[in-house]
Protein backbone atom coordinates (compact mmCIF):
# COMPACT_ATOMS: atom_id res chain seq x y z
CA MET A 1 24.70 13.30 42.05
CA ARG A 2 27.25 10.53 42.40
CA ASN A 3 30.71 11.71 41.37
CA TRP A 4 32.56 8.45 42.06
CA LYS A 5 32.86 5.20 40.16
CA ILE A 6 33.72 1.59 40.87
CA ARG A 7 35.99 -0.39 38.62
CA GLN A 8 38.04 -3.57 38.72
CA ALA A 9 41.43 -3.07 40.37
CA GLN A 10 44.61 -3.29 38.33
CA GLU A 11 48.11 -4.04 39.60
CA GLN A 12 49.06 -0.38 39.18
CA ASP A 13 46.35 0.49 41.75
CA ALA A 14 48.15 -1.44 44.50
CA ASP A 15 50.05 1.47 46.10
CA ALA A 16 47.00 3.74 46.18
CA LEU A 17 44.84 0.91 47.49
CA ILE A 18 47.35 0.12 50.25
CA LYS A 19 47.38 3.78 51.27
CA CYS A 20 43.58 3.80 51.33
CA ILE A 21 43.36 0.59 53.41
CA ASP A 22 45.97 1.84 55.87
CA ALA A 23 44.07 5.12 56.29
CA ALA A 24 40.77 3.31 56.76
CA TYR A 25 42.12 1.05 59.51
CA ALA A 26 44.32 3.67 61.21
CA ILE A 27 41.31 4.96 63.13
CA TYR A 28 40.98 1.54 64.83
CA LYS A 29 44.59 1.05 65.94
CA ASP A 30 43.98 2.42 69.46
CA ARG A 31 40.84 0.31 69.88
CA ILE A 32 42.10 -2.95 68.41
CA LYS A 33 45.44 -4.09 69.76
CA ASP A 34 45.44 -7.29 67.66
CA LEU A 35 44.64 -5.60 64.34
CA PRO A 36 46.34 -7.63 61.60
CA ALA A 37 48.35 -6.11 58.76
CA VAL A 38 45.27 -5.63 56.59
CA SER A 39 47.07 -4.17 53.59
CA GLU A 40 49.59 -6.98 53.15
CA GLY A 41 49.47 -8.92 49.90
CA VAL A 42 47.38 -6.43 47.90
CA VAL A 43 49.21 -7.12 44.62
CA ASP A 44 48.77 -10.88 45.06
CA ASP A 45 45.10 -10.37 45.92
CA ILE A 46 44.54 -8.26 42.80
CA LYS A 47 46.05 -11.07 40.72
CA ALA A 48 44.26 -13.95 42.45
CA HIS A 49 40.85 -12.65 43.51
CA ARG A 50 38.14 -10.21 42.54
CA VAL A 51 39.15 -6.75 43.69
CA TRP A 52 37.45 -3.44 42.93
CA VAL A 53 38.39 0.12 43.68
CA ALA A 54 36.22 3.14 44.22
CA GLU A 55 37.52 6.25 42.52
CA LEU A 56 36.74 9.86 43.27
CA ASP A 57 38.25 12.47 40.97
CA HIS A 58 40.53 9.78 39.47
CA SER A 59 41.94 8.86 42.91
CA VAL A 60 41.45 5.52 44.66
CA VAL A 61 39.45 6.16 47.83
CA GLY A 62 38.14 2.67 48.56
CA GLY A 63 38.47 -0.98 47.78
CA LEU A 64 36.79 -4.34 48.15
CA PHE A 65 38.30 -7.83 48.07
CA LEU A 66 36.02 -10.75 47.20
CA ILE A 67 37.07 -14.40 47.31
CA PRO A 68 34.60 -16.79 45.66
CA HIS A 69 34.28 -20.31 47.05
CA GLU A 70 32.16 -23.21 45.87
CA LYS A 71 28.96 -22.28 47.73
CA PHE A 72 29.59 -18.72 48.94
CA ALA A 73 31.88 -15.74 48.51
CA LEU A 74 33.97 -14.19 51.24
CA LEU A 75 34.02 -10.43 51.48
CA ALA A 76 37.63 -10.43 52.69
CA ASN A 77 38.06 -6.68 53.06
CA VAL A 78 36.23 -3.46 52.35
CA ALA A 79 37.93 -0.19 53.14
CA ILE A 80 37.06 3.44 52.51
CA ASP A 81 39.48 6.29 53.11
CA PRO A 82 38.01 8.26 56.05
CA MET A 83 38.32 11.48 54.04
CA SER A 84 35.73 10.05 51.61
CA SER A 85 33.35 8.38 54.04
CA GLY A 86 29.65 9.13 54.00
CA MET A 87 29.40 9.21 50.20
CA GLY A 88 27.93 5.72 49.73
CA LEU A 89 31.20 4.20 48.54
CA GLY A 90 31.07 1.24 50.93
CA ARG A 91 27.50 0.46 49.97
CA GLY A 92 28.41 0.77 46.29
CA LEU A 93 31.33 -1.62 46.64
CA ILE A 94 29.22 -4.15 48.54
CA GLU A 95 26.49 -3.91 45.90
CA ARG A 96 29.16 -4.61 43.26
CA ALA A 97 30.22 -7.72 45.20
CA GLU A 98 26.60 -8.86 45.40
CA GLU A 99 26.25 -8.45 41.62
CA GLU A 100 29.39 -10.52 41.10
CA CYS A 101 28.03 -13.27 43.35
CA ARG A 102 24.82 -13.43 41.35
CA VAL A 103 26.82 -13.69 38.10
CA LEU A 104 28.81 -16.56 39.65
CA GLY A 105 25.62 -18.28 40.81
CA LEU A 106 26.47 -17.78 44.48
CA ARG A 107 23.63 -16.94 46.85
CA GLU A 108 25.57 -16.21 50.02
CA LEU A 109 28.15 -13.66 51.09
CA ARG A 110 30.18 -14.02 54.28
CA LEU A 111 32.45 -11.69 56.19
CA SER A 112 34.22 -11.36 59.50
CA THR A 113 34.71 -8.16 61.44
CA HIS A 114 36.05 -7.21 64.84
CA VAL A 115 33.88 -7.01 67.93
CA ASN A 116 35.46 -3.63 68.75
CA ILE A 117 34.07 -2.07 65.58
CA PRO A 118 30.37 -2.03 66.49
CA GLU A 119 29.64 0.71 63.97
CA ASN A 120 30.61 -1.67 61.16
CA ILE A 121 28.44 -4.42 62.63
CA ARG A 122 25.49 -2.01 62.70
CA LEU A 123 26.20 -0.90 59.13
CA TYR A 124 26.30 -4.48 57.86
CA GLU A 125 23.07 -5.29 59.70
CA HIS A 126 21.49 -2.22 58.10
CA LEU A 127 22.58 -3.58 54.69
CA GLY A 128 20.87 -6.91 55.34
CA TRP A 129 23.65 -8.94 56.94
CA ALA A 130 23.01 -11.21 59.94
CA GLU A 131 25.45 -12.22 62.63
CA THR A 132 25.94 -16.00 62.60
CA HIS A 133 28.37 -16.44 65.48
CA ARG A 134 31.36 -15.06 67.34
CA SER A 135 34.73 -16.62 67.93
CA GLY A 136 37.00 -14.72 70.27
CA ASN A 137 36.97 -11.11 69.10
CA THR A 138 35.67 -11.98 65.63
CA VAL A 139 32.07 -11.43 64.56
CA HIS A 140 31.02 -13.64 61.64
CA MET A 141 28.19 -12.42 59.43
CA THR A 142 26.36 -13.64 56.35
CA LYS A 143 24.01 -12.23 53.76
CA ARG A 144 21.70 -14.35 51.63
CA LEU A 145 21.27 -13.00 48.11
């Protein structure tokens, strides 16, 4: 039985979401020397874009940032606290983004990930994403809806 829920992020979620993002990416710091500050601008993103949080026992344990464009939407970030991984939260957040795209009349999702996170590439491929190209250490992927 699923004991988590997904809801739209509010400004008051920013601190918890930042903590979650930082925890999610901390495991990659040794592998990825050029890892950007992925939790910067969370409050601005909540105000400007479509952002959802995953909650478990009333605590934020994941988040997804979606930026709609004219012909596609960019999945800008999806992060799950490692303490809550393996529960289907990432899949649930991505499914929520797909639903939002359909409501907006968009039939394509795009994302970029790092070449040194092959487990994420495999996960996205498992969820129906296809690699379109690479530029430097960035892997670009798309999913047709």
